[in-house]
Amino acid sequence: MSWTKEILKTEKPIIAMCHLRALPGDPGFDKAAGMEWVLKKAREDLLALQEGGVDVVMFSNEFSLPYLTKVKTETVAQWQELLVS
């Protein structure tokens, strides 16, 4: 038995990405919309993926452009907040 069959109960899992909008500390963060908007958009994306039948969802901050080589403290803190909420 393959690990995908054992863990995910399917041989060919559909793996999708939930893209988070720019987080605080990122150049493109929308301060007017705030974190509530970031969470709202992430929930919408996640729900669409779940309703679409994906088996696995990964999370990424693809909208945090341009990518920074030194991540700000507030960005890391928001990732922590997202993981526990």
PDB file of N, CA and C in Angstrom:
ATOM      1  N   MET A   1       0.846  -1.174   0.000  1.00  0.00           N
ATOM      2  CA  MET A   1       0.000   0.000   0.000  1.00  0.00           C
ATOM      3  C   MET A   1       0.897   1.244   0.000  1.00  0.00           C
ATOM      4  N   SER A   2       0.557   2.209  -0.839  1.00  0.00           N
ATOM      5  CA  SER A   2       1.344   3.437  -0.903  1.00  0.00           C
ATOM      6  C   SER A   2       1.001   4.346   0.280  1.00  0.00           C
ATOM      7  N   TRP A   3       1.879   5.282   0.553  1.00  0.00           N
ATOM      8  CA  TRP A   3       1.631   6.200   1.674  1.00  0.00           C
ATOM      9  C   TRP A   3       0.422   7.081   1.408  1.00  0.00           C
ATOM     10  N   THR A   4       0.179   7.418   0.145  1.00  0.00           N
ATOM     11  CA  THR A   4      -1.000   8.247  -0.137  1.00  0.00           C
ATOM     12  C   THR A   4      -2.284   7.482   0.136  1.00  0.00           C
ATOM     13  N   LYS A   5      -2.301   6.222  -0.202  1.00  0.00           N
ATOM     14  CA  LYS A   5      -3.483   5.394   0.066  1.00  0.00           C
ATOM     15  C   LYS A   5      -3.670   5.203   1.566  1.00  0.00           C
ATOM     16  N   GLU A   6      -2.570   4.989   2.266  1.00  0.00           N
ATOM     17  CA  GLU A   6      -2.627   4.770   3.708  1.00  0.00           C
ATOM     18  C   GLU A   6      -3.067   6.029   4.467  1.00  0.00           C
ATOM     19  N   ILE A   7      -2.501   7.168   4.110  1.00  0.00           N
ATOM     20  CA  ILE A   7      -2.777   8.399   4.853  1.00  0.00           C
ATOM     21  C   ILE A   7      -3.988   9.148   4.322  1.00  0.00           C
ATOM     22  N   LEU A   8      -4.073   9.266   2.995  1.00  0.00           N
ATOM     23  CA  LEU A   8      -5.119  10.088   2.388  1.00  0.00           C
ATOM     24  C   LEU A   8      -6.299   9.289   1.840  1.00  0.00           C
ATOM     25  N   LYS A   9      -6.191   7.975   1.909  1.00  0.00           N
ATOM     26  CA  LYS A   9      -7.270   7.080   1.469  1.00  0.00           C
ATOM     27  C   LYS A   9      -7.536   7.148  -0.035  1.00  0.00           C
ATOM     28  N   THR A  10      -6.519   7.562  -0.793  1.00  0.00           N
ATOM     29  CA  THR A  10      -6.632   7.580  -2.249  1.00  0.00           C
ATOM     30  C   THR A  10      -5.245   7.450  -2.861  1.00  0.00           C
ATOM     31  N   GLU A  11      -5.158   6.796  -4.006  1.00  0.00           N
ATOM     32  CA  GLU A  11      -3.875   6.618  -4.686  1.00  0.00           C
ATOM     33  C   GLU A  11      -3.400   7.909  -5.349  1.00  0.00           C
ATOM     34  N   LYS A  12      -4.348   8.681  -5.872  1.00  0.00           N
ATOM     35  CA  LYS A  12      -4.003   9.900  -6.606  1.00  0.00           C
ATOM     36  C   LYS A  12      -4.715  11.095  -5.978  1.00  0.00           C
ATOM     37  N   PRO A  13      -4.162  11.613  -4.892  1.00  0.00           N
ATOM     38  CA  PRO A  13      -4.820  12.736  -4.214  1.00  0.00           C
ATOM     39  C   PRO A  13      -4.745  14.024  -5.037  1.00  0.00           C
ATOM     40  N   ILE A  14      -5.768  14.828  -4.879  1.00  0.00           N
ATOM     41  CA  ILE A  14      -5.768  16.167  -5.467  1.00  0.00           C
ATOM     42  C   ILE A  14      -5.239  17.108  -4.391  1.00  0.00           C
ATOM     43  N   ILE A  15      -4.120  17.745  -4.684  1.00  0.00           N
ATOM     44  CA  ILE A  15      -3.483  18.656  -3.738  1.00  0.00           C
ATOM     45  C   ILE A  15      -3.648  20.070  -4.277  1.00  0.00           C
ATOM     46  N   ALA A  16      -4.186  20.957  -3.447  1.00  0.00           N
ATOM     47  CA  ALA A  16      -4.457  22.329  -3.883  1.00  0.00           C
ATOM     48  C   ALA A  16      -3.779  23.333  -2.957  1.00  0.00           C
ATOM     49  N   MET A  17      -3.727  24.580  -3.421  1.00  0.00           N
ATOM     50  CA  MET A  17      -3.092  25.648  -2.666  1.00  0.00           C
ATOM     51  C   MET A  17      -4.109  26.728  -2.334  1.00  0.00           C
ATOM     52  N   CYS A  18      -4.165  27.101  -1.069  1.00  0.00           N
ATOM     53  CA  CYS A  18      -4.973  28.226  -0.616  1.00  0.00           C
ATOM     54  C   CYS A  18      -4.019  29.414  -0.492  1.00  0.00           C
ATOM     55  N   HIS A  19      -4.242  30.433  -1.318  1.00  0.00           N
ATOM     56  CA  HIS A  19      -3.334  31.572  -1.353  1.00  0.00           C
ATOM     57  C   HIS A  19      -3.803  32.672  -0.407  1.00  0.00           C
ATOM     58  N   LEU A  20      -2.941  33.039   0.524  1.00  0.00           N
ATOM     59  CA  LEU A  20      -3.245  34.125   1.448  1.00  0.00           C
ATOM     60  C   LEU A  20      -2.865  35.454   0.804  1.00  0.00           C
ATOM     61  N   ARG A  21      -3.669  36.466   1.040  1.00  0.00           N
ATOM     62  CA  ARG A  21      -3.336  37.807   0.573  1.00  0.00           C
ATOM     63  C   ARG A  21      -2.141  38.314   1.379  1.00  0.00           C
ATOM     64  N   ALA A  22      -1.598  39.432   0.964  1.00  0.00           N
ATOM     65  CA  ALA A  22      -0.425  39.995   1.652  1.00  0.00           C
ATOM     66  C   ALA A  22      -0.725  40.207   3.131  1.00  0.00           C
ATOM     67  N   LEU A  23       0.222  39.826   3.962  1.00  0.00           N
ATOM     68  CA  LEU A  23       0.085  39.912   5.413  1.00  0.00           C
ATOM     69  C   LEU A  23       0.720  41.191   5.948  1.00  0.00           C
ATOM     70  N   PRO A  24       0.378  41.575   7.185  1.00  0.00           N
ATOM     71  CA  PRO A  24       1.016  42.753   7.775  1.00  0.00           C
ATOM     72  C   PRO A  24       2.533  42.624   7.715  1.00  0.00           C
ATOM     73  N   GLY A  25       3.176  43.708   7.357  1.00  0.00           N
ATOM     74  CA  GLY A  25       4.630  43.694   7.188  1.00  0.00           C
ATOM     75  C   GLY A  25       5.032  43.503   5.745  1.00  0.00           C
ATOM     76  N   ASP A  26       4.146  42.951   4.921  1.00  0.00           N
ATOM     77  CA  ASP A  26       4.419  42.792   3.491  1.00  0.00           C
ATOM     78  C   ASP A  26       4.144  44.112   2.781  1.00  0.00           C
ATOM     79  N   PRO A  27       4.905  44.421   1.722  1.00  0.00           N
ATOM     80  CA  PRO A  27       4.692  45.680   1.009  1.00  0.00           C
ATOM     81  C   PRO A  27       3.266  45.851   0.471  1.00  0.00           C
ATOM     82  N   GLY A  28       2.616  44.776   0.076  1.00  0.00           N
ATOM     83  CA  GLY A  28       1.290  44.878  -0.514  1.00  0.00           C
ATOM     84  C   GLY A  28       0.131  44.739   0.460  1.00  0.00           C
ATOM     85  N   PHE A  29       0.421  44.726   1.756  1.00  0.00           N
ATOM     86  CA  PHE A  29      -0.656  44.561   2.734  1.00  0.00           C
ATOM     87  C   PHE A  29      -1.618  45.740   2.659  1.00  0.00           C
ATOM     88  N   ASP A  30      -2.908  45.432   2.593  1.00  0.00           N
ATOM     89  CA  ASP A  30      -3.954  46.455   2.526  1.00  0.00           C
ATOM     90  C   ASP A  30      -4.362  46.817   3.950  1.00  0.00           C
ATOM     91  N   LYS A  31      -3.785  47.898   4.460  1.00  0.00           N
ATOM     92  CA  LYS A  31      -4.060  48.297   5.847  1.00  0.00           C
ATOM     93  C   LYS A  31      -5.519  48.677   6.044  1.00  0.00           C
ATOM     94  N   ALA A  32      -6.135  49.240   5.022  1.00  0.00           N
ATOM     95  CA  ALA A  32      -7.541  49.644   5.138  1.00  0.00           C
ATOM     96  C   ALA A  32      -8.444  48.424   5.304  1.00  0.00           C
ATOM     97  N   ALA A  33      -8.161  47.360   4.576  1.00  0.00           N
ATOM     98  CA  ALA A  33      -8.971  46.142   4.664  1.00  0.00           C
ATOM     99  C   ALA A  33      -8.610  45.338   5.910  1.00  0.00           C
ATOM    100  N   GLY A  34      -7.337  45.332   6.272  1.00  0.00           N
ATOM    101  CA  GLY A  34      -6.884  44.656   7.482  1.00  0.00           C
ATOM    102  C   GLY A  34      -6.881  43.142   7.398  1.00  0.00           C
ATOM    103  N   MET A  35      -6.586  42.529   8.541  1.00  0.00           N
ATOM    104  CA  MET A  35      -6.492  41.069   8.612  1.00  0.00           C
ATOM    105  C   MET A  35      -7.844  40.387   8.442  1.00  0.00           C
ATOM    106  N   GLU A  36      -8.913  41.050   8.823  1.00  0.00           N
ATOM    107  CA  GLU A  36     -10.236  40.436   8.644  1.00  0.00           C
ATOM    108  C   GLU A  36     -10.485  40.122   7.178  1.00  0.00           C
ATOM    109  N   TRP A  37     -10.062  41.023   6.298  1.00  0.00           N
ATOM    110  CA  TRP A  37     -10.230  40.799   4.855  1.00  0.00           C
ATOM    111  C   TRP A  37      -9.347  39.645   4.386  1.00  0.00           C
ATOM    112  N   VAL A  38      -8.102  39.603   4.881  1.00  0.00           N
ATOM    113  CA  VAL A  38      -7.192  38.507   4.529  1.00  0.00           C
ATOM    114  C   VAL A  38      -7.826  37.170   4.925  1.00  0.00           C
ATOM    115  N   LEU A  39      -8.361  37.101   6.150  1.00  0.00           N
ATOM    116  CA  LEU A  39      -9.003  35.871   6.625  1.00  0.00           C
ATOM    117  C   LEU A  39     -10.259  35.544   5.830  1.00  0.00           C
ATOM    118  N   LYS A  40     -11.052  36.554   5.502  1.00  0.00           N
ATOM    119  CA  LYS A  40     -12.272  36.344   4.717  1.00  0.00           C
ATOM    120  C   LYS A  40     -11.941  35.732   3.358  1.00  0.00           C
ATOM    121  N   LYS A  41     -10.939  36.289   2.679  1.00  0.00           N
ATOM    122  CA  LYS A  41     -10.552  35.781   1.362  1.00  0.00           C
ATOM    123  C   LYS A  41      -9.972  34.370   1.464  1.00  0.00           C
ATOM    124  N   ALA A  42      -9.204  34.100   2.517  1.00  0.00           N
ATOM    125  CA  ALA A  42      -8.641  32.766   2.710  1.00  0.00           C
ATOM    126  C   ALA A  42      -9.755  31.746   2.961  1.00  0.00           C
ATOM    127  N   ARG A  43     -10.744  32.132   3.766  1.00  0.00           N
ATOM    128  CA  ARG A  43     -11.871  31.230   4.034  1.00  0.00           C
ATOM    129  C   ARG A  43     -12.653  30.939   2.755  1.00  0.00           C
ATOM    130  N   GLU A  44     -12.866  31.964   1.935  1.00  0.00           N
ATOM    131  CA  GLU A  44     -13.573  31.778   0.663  1.00  0.00           C
ATOM    132  C   GLU A  44     -12.817  30.806  -0.238  1.00  0.00           C
ATOM    133  N   ASP A  45     -11.506  30.996  -0.327  1.00  0.00           N
ATOM    134  CA  ASP A  45     -10.661  30.139  -1.148  1.00  0.00           C
ATOM    135  C   ASP A  45     -10.685  28.705  -0.619  1.00  0.00           C
ATOM    136  N   LEU A  46     -10.529  28.551   0.693  1.00  0.00           N
ATOM    137  CA  LEU A  46     -10.525  27.228   1.306  1.00  0.00           C
ATOM    138  C   LEU A  46     -11.857  26.519   1.095  1.00  0.00           C
ATOM    139  N   LEU A  47     -12.956  27.217   1.283  1.00  0.00           N
ATOM    140  CA  LEU A  47     -14.274  26.624   1.085  1.00  0.00           C
ATOM    141  C   LEU A  47     -14.455  26.157  -0.352  1.00  0.00           C
ATOM    142  N   ALA A  48     -14.034  26.972  -1.308  1.00  0.00           N
ATOM    143  CA  ALA A  48     -14.148  26.595  -2.718  1.00  0.00           C
ATOM    144  C   ALA A  48     -13.327  25.338  -3.009  1.00  0.00           C
ATOM    145  N   LEU A  49     -12.143  25.251  -2.424  1.00  0.00           N
ATOM    146  CA  LEU A  49     -11.305  24.064  -2.635  1.00  0.00           C
ATOM    147  C   LEU A  49     -11.950  22.827  -2.014  1.00  0.00           C
ATOM    148  N   GLN A  50     -12.468  22.967  -0.805  1.00  0.00           N
ATOM    149  CA  GLN A  50     -13.116  21.840  -0.135  1.00  0.00           C
ATOM    150  C   GLN A  50     -14.354  21.390  -0.896  1.00  0.00           C
ATOM    151  N   GLU A  51     -15.161  22.350  -1.339  1.00  0.00           N
ATOM    152  CA  GLU A  51     -16.366  22.002  -2.096  1.00  0.00           C
ATOM    153  C   GLU A  51     -16.014  21.391  -3.450  1.00  0.00           C
ATOM    154  N   GLY A  52     -14.831  21.741  -3.959  1.00  0.00           N
ATOM    155  CA  GLY A  52     -14.371  21.183  -5.223  1.00  0.00           C
ATOM    156  C   GLY A  52     -13.829  19.770  -5.094  1.00  0.00           C
ATOM    157  N   GLY A  53     -13.687  19.289  -3.872  1.00  0.00           N
ATOM    158  CA  GLY A  53     -13.300  17.902  -3.662  1.00  0.00           C
ATOM    159  C   GLY A  53     -11.818  17.624  -3.522  1.00  0.00           C
ATOM    160  N   VAL A  54     -11.022  18.619  -3.197  1.00  0.00           N
ATOM    161  CA  VAL A  54      -9.595  18.350  -3.035  1.00  0.00           C
ATOM    162  C   VAL A  54      -9.352  17.501  -1.790  1.00  0.00           C
ATOM    163  N   ASP A  55      -8.255  16.770  -1.813  1.00  0.00           N
ATOM    164  CA  ASP A  55      -7.913  15.888  -0.700  1.00  0.00           C
ATOM    165  C   ASP A  55      -6.981  16.553   0.309  1.00  0.00           C
ATOM    166  N   VAL A  56      -6.135  17.458  -0.172  1.00  0.00           N
ATOM    167  CA  VAL A  56      -5.138  18.110   0.669  1.00  0.00           C
ATOM    168  C   VAL A  56      -5.090  19.591   0.307  1.00  0.00           C
ATOM    169  N   VAL A  57      -4.991  20.447   1.322  1.00  0.00           N
ATOM    170  CA  VAL A  57      -4.853  21.885   1.081  1.00  0.00           C
ATOM    171  C   VAL A  57      -3.571  22.369   1.733  1.00  0.00           C
ATOM    172  N   MET A  58      -2.759  23.054   0.942  1.00  0.00           N
ATOM    173  CA  MET A  58      -1.559  23.706   1.458  1.00  0.00           C
ATOM    174  C   MET A  58      -1.841  25.206   1.495  1.00  0.00           C
ATOM    175  N   PHE A  59      -1.134  25.924   2.337  1.00  0.00           N
ATOM    176  CA  PHE A  59      -1.324  27.364   2.457  1.00  0.00           C
ATOM    177  C   PHE A  59      -0.046  28.088   2.065  1.00  0.00           C
ATOM    178  N   SER A  60      -0.212  29.193   1.349  1.00  0.00           N
ATOM    179  CA  SER A  60       0.935  29.962   0.890  1.00  0.00           C
ATOM    180  C   SER A  60       0.585  31.445   0.852  1.00  0.00           C
ATOM    181  N   ASN A  61       1.570  32.273   1.061  1.00  0.00           N
ATOM    182  CA  ASN A  61       1.350  33.719   0.983  1.00  0.00           C
ATOM    183  C   ASN A  61       1.877  34.249  -0.351  1.00  0.00           C
ATOM    184  N   GLU A  62       1.338  33.734  -1.439  1.00  0.00           N
ATOM    185  CA  GLU A  62       1.769  34.113  -2.774  1.00  0.00           C
ATOM    186  C   GLU A  62       1.534  35.588  -3.088  1.00  0.00           C
ATOM    187  N   PHE A  63       0.622  36.229  -2.382  1.00  0.00           N
ATOM    188  CA  PHE A  63       0.338  37.634  -2.647  1.00  0.00           C
ATOM    189  C   PHE A  63       1.297  38.562  -1.902  1.00  0.00           C
ATOM    190  N   SER A  64       2.252  38.009  -1.190  1.00  0.00           N
ATOM    191  CA  SER A  64       3.216  38.813  -0.444  1.00  0.00           C
ATOM    192  C   SER A  64       4.374  39.227  -1.355  1.00  0.00           C
ATOM    193  N   LEU A  65       4.027  39.912  -2.410  1.00  0.00           N
ATOM    194  CA  LEU A  65       5.028  40.347  -3.385  1.00  0.00           C
ATOM    195  C   LEU A  65       5.381  41.810  -3.164  1.00  0.00           C
ATOM    196  N   PRO A  66       6.578  42.229  -3.432  1.00  0.00           N
ATOM    197  CA  PRO A  66       7.710  41.386  -3.810  1.00  0.00           C
ATOM    198  C   PRO A  66       8.191  40.583  -2.602  1.00  0.00           C
ATOM    199  N   TYR A  67       8.746  39.413  -2.870  1.00  0.00           N
ATOM    200  CA  TYR A  67       9.226  38.588  -1.774  1.00  0.00           C
ATOM    201  C   TYR A  67      10.382  39.283  -1.065  1.00  0.00           C
ATOM    202  N   LEU A  68      10.352  39.212   0.238  1.00  0.00           N
ATOM    203  CA  LEU A  68      11.386  39.847   1.046  1.00  0.00           C
ATOM    204  C   LEU A  68      12.403  38.807   1.511  1.00  0.00           C
ATOM    205  N   THR A  69      13.664  39.201   1.561  1.00  0.00           N
ATOM    206  CA  THR A  69      14.685  38.273   2.066  1.00  0.00           C
ATOM    207  C   THR A  69      14.746  38.305   3.587  1.00  0.00           C
ATOM    208  N   LYS A  70      14.240  39.399   4.180  1.00  0.00           N
ATOM    209  CA  LYS A  70      14.157  39.495   5.633  1.00  0.00           C
ATOM    210  C   LYS A  70      12.693  39.693   5.996  1.00  0.00           C
ATOM    211  N   VAL A  71      12.095  38.664   6.568  1.00  0.00           N
ATOM    212  CA  VAL A  71      10.685  38.713   6.919  1.00  0.00           C
ATOM    213  C   VAL A  71      10.509  39.512   8.198  1.00  0.00           C
ATOM    214  N   LYS A  72       9.515  40.382   8.193  1.00  0.00           N
ATOM    215  CA  LYS A  72       9.260  41.222   9.359  1.00  0.00           C
ATOM    216  C   LYS A  72       8.560  40.428  10.458  1.00  0.00           C
ATOM    217  N   THR A  73       8.767  40.845  11.679  1.00  0.00           N
ATOM    218  CA  THR A  73       8.210  40.171  12.849  1.00  0.00           C
ATOM    219  C   THR A  73       6.689  40.071  12.768  1.00  0.00           C
ATOM    220  N   GLU A  74       6.026  41.144  12.335  1.00  0.00           N
ATOM    221  CA  GLU A  74       4.568  41.124  12.285  1.00  0.00           C
ATOM    222  C   GLU A  74       4.027  40.127  11.262  1.00  0.00           C
ATOM    223  N   THR A  75       4.798  39.856  10.213  1.00  0.00           N
ATOM    224  CA  THR A  75       4.372  38.861   9.229  1.00  0.00           C
ATOM    225  C   THR A  75       4.411  37.469   9.837  1.00  0.00           C
ATOM    226  N   VAL A  76       5.498  37.162  10.522  1.00  0.00           N
ATOM    227  CA  VAL A  76       5.629  35.854  11.185  1.00  0.00           C
ATOM    228  C   VAL A  76       4.543  35.696  12.248  1.00  0.00           C
ATOM    229  N   ALA A  77       4.270  36.765  12.979  1.00  0.00           N
ATOM    230  CA  ALA A  77       3.237  36.712  14.019  1.00  0.00           C
ATOM    231  C   ALA A  77       1.868  36.420  13.414  1.00  0.00           C
ATOM    232  N   GLN A  78       1.580  36.956  12.241  1.00  0.00           N
ATOM    233  CA  GLN A  78       0.290  36.702  11.603  1.00  0.00           C
ATOM    234  C   GLN A  78       0.184  35.256  11.137  1.00  0.00           C
ATOM    235  N   TRP A  79       1.289  34.671  10.672  1.00  0.00           N
ATOM    236  CA  TRP A  79       1.270  33.248  10.313  1.00  0.00           C
ATOM    237  C   TRP A  79       0.909  32.424  11.546  1.00  0.00           C
ATOM    238  N   GLN A  80       1.510  32.780  12.689  1.00  0.00           N
ATOM    239  CA  GLN A  80       1.204  32.078  13.939  1.00  0.00           C
ATOM    240  C   GLN A  80      -0.275  32.220  14.272  1.00  0.00           C
ATOM    241  N   GLU A  81      -0.802  33.427  14.130  1.00  0.00           N
ATOM    242  CA  GLU A  81      -2.220  33.691  14.405  1.00  0.00           C
ATOM    243  C   GLU A  81      -3.117  32.872  13.470  1.00  0.00           C
ATOM    244  N   LEU A  82      -2.745  32.793  12.209  1.00  0.00           N
ATOM    245  CA  LEU A  82      -3.535  32.025  11.245  1.00  0.00           C
ATOM    246  C   LEU A  82      -3.531  30.545  11.575  1.00  0.00           C
ATOM    247  N   LEU A  83      -2.408  30.049  12.034  1.00  0.00           N
ATOM    248  CA  LEU A  83      -2.293  28.619  12.321  1.00  0.00           C
ATOM    249  C   LEU A  83      -3.130  28.194  13.524  1.00  0.00           C
ATOM    250  N   VAL A  84      -3.311  29.086  14.476  1.00  0.00           N
ATOM    251  CA  VAL A  84      -4.052  28.705  15.673  1.00  0.00           C
ATOM    252  C   VAL A  84      -5.529  29.092  15.604  1.00  0.00           C
ATOM    253  N   SER A  85      -5.911  29.888  14.611  1.00  0.00           N
ATOM    254  CA  SER A  85      -7.329  30.290  14.535  1.00  0.00           C
ATOM    255  C   SER A  85      -8.134  29.352  13.675  1.00  0.00           C
TER     256      SER A  85
END
